[in-house]
């Protein structure tokens, strides 16, 4: 599972609001909602957010192993 908790901290550190992302940078509100809910977001969007926030990918998303998923890939 991917967690976007780092995104919200990075945004706060850079004085960036969801409103600014939407209004000034064209990031859809539905996309931000999806991230809040832990949904799928494409790498293109992660790349855009890294450029906007001038940060690394780990400042936006982290991988959290799902304890309930015992399948091996």
Protein backbone atom coordinates (compact mmCIF):
# COMPACT_ATOMS: atom_id res chain seq x y z
CA UNK A 1 0.00 0.00 0.00
CA UNK A 2 1.21 3.50 -0.74
CA UNK A 3 0.93 6.28 1.80
CA UNK A 4 0.89 9.96 0.90
CA UNK A 5 1.28 11.18 4.49
CA UNK A 6 4.66 12.69 3.59
CA UNK A 7 2.98 14.86 0.95
CA UNK A 8 0.89 16.72 3.50
CA UNK A 9 3.95 17.36 5.70
CA UNK A 10 6.02 18.52 2.71
CA UNK A 11 3.21 20.83 1.60
CA UNK A 12 3.02 22.35 5.09
CA UNK A 13 6.81 22.82 5.22
CA UNK A 14 6.66 24.69 1.90
CA UNK A 15 3.55 26.73 2.71
CA UNK A 16 1.64 25.02 -0.10
CA UNK A 17 -2.08 24.45 0.24
CA UNK A 18 -4.41 22.14 -1.64
CA UNK A 19 -6.10 25.26 -2.96
CA UNK A 20 -2.80 26.58 -4.40
CA UNK A 21 -2.05 23.21 -6.00
CA UNK A 22 -5.47 23.26 -7.61
CA UNK A 23 -5.72 26.92 -8.57
CA UNK A 24 -2.11 27.79 -9.44
CA UNK A 25 -0.74 24.46 -10.68
CA UNK A 26 -3.77 22.68 -12.13
CA UNK A 27 -3.72 19.67 -9.81
CA UNK A 28 -7.28 18.34 -9.78
CA UNK A 29 -9.14 18.35 -6.50
CA UNK A 30 -10.31 14.80 -7.20
CA UNK A 31 -6.67 13.74 -7.46
CA UNK A 32 -5.87 15.29 -4.09
CA UNK A 33 -8.90 13.54 -2.63
CA UNK A 34 -7.68 10.23 -4.08
CA UNK A 35 -4.28 10.78 -2.47
CA UNK A 36 -5.91 11.61 0.85
CA UNK A 37 -7.81 8.32 0.64
CA UNK A 38 -4.72 6.30 -0.37
CA UNK A 39 -5.88 5.70 -3.93
CA UNK A 40 -3.90 5.23 -7.13
CA UNK A 41 -1.90 8.14 -8.49
CA UNK A 42 0.26 7.87 -11.60
CA UNK A 43 3.98 8.58 -11.72
CA UNK A 44 3.34 11.56 -13.99
CA UNK A 45 1.46 13.21 -11.13
CA UNK A 46 4.15 12.31 -8.59
CA UNK A 47 6.72 13.83 -10.96
CA UNK A 48 4.67 17.04 -11.27
CA UNK A 49 4.30 17.30 -7.49
CA UNK A 50 8.06 16.80 -7.03
CA UNK A 51 8.72 19.66 -9.45
CA UNK A 52 6.11 21.94 -7.90
CA UNK A 53 7.28 21.28 -4.34
CA UNK A 54 10.98 20.99 -5.27
CA UNK A 55 11.33 17.73 -3.39
CA UNK A 56 12.22 14.05 -3.75
CA UNK A 57 9.70 11.28 -4.34
CA UNK A 58 10.12 10.04 -0.76
CA UNK A 59 8.92 13.46 0.41
CA UNK A 60 5.57 12.60 -1.19
CA UNK A 61 4.97 8.85 -1.08
CA UNK A 62 6.12 5.87 0.98
CA UNK A 63 5.47 2.17 0.66
CA UNK A 64 3.77 0.54 3.64
CA UNK A 65 3.58 -3.27 3.49
CA UNK A 66 0.05 -4.59 3.82
CA UNK A 67 0.04 -6.95 6.82
CA UNK A 68 -2.99 -8.83 5.52
CA UNK A 69 -1.43 -9.66 2.15
CA UNK A 70 0.67 -12.84 2.48
CA UNK A 71 1.11 -13.37 -1.26
CA UNK A 72 4.61 -13.45 -2.66
CA UNK A 73 5.42 -11.85 -5.99
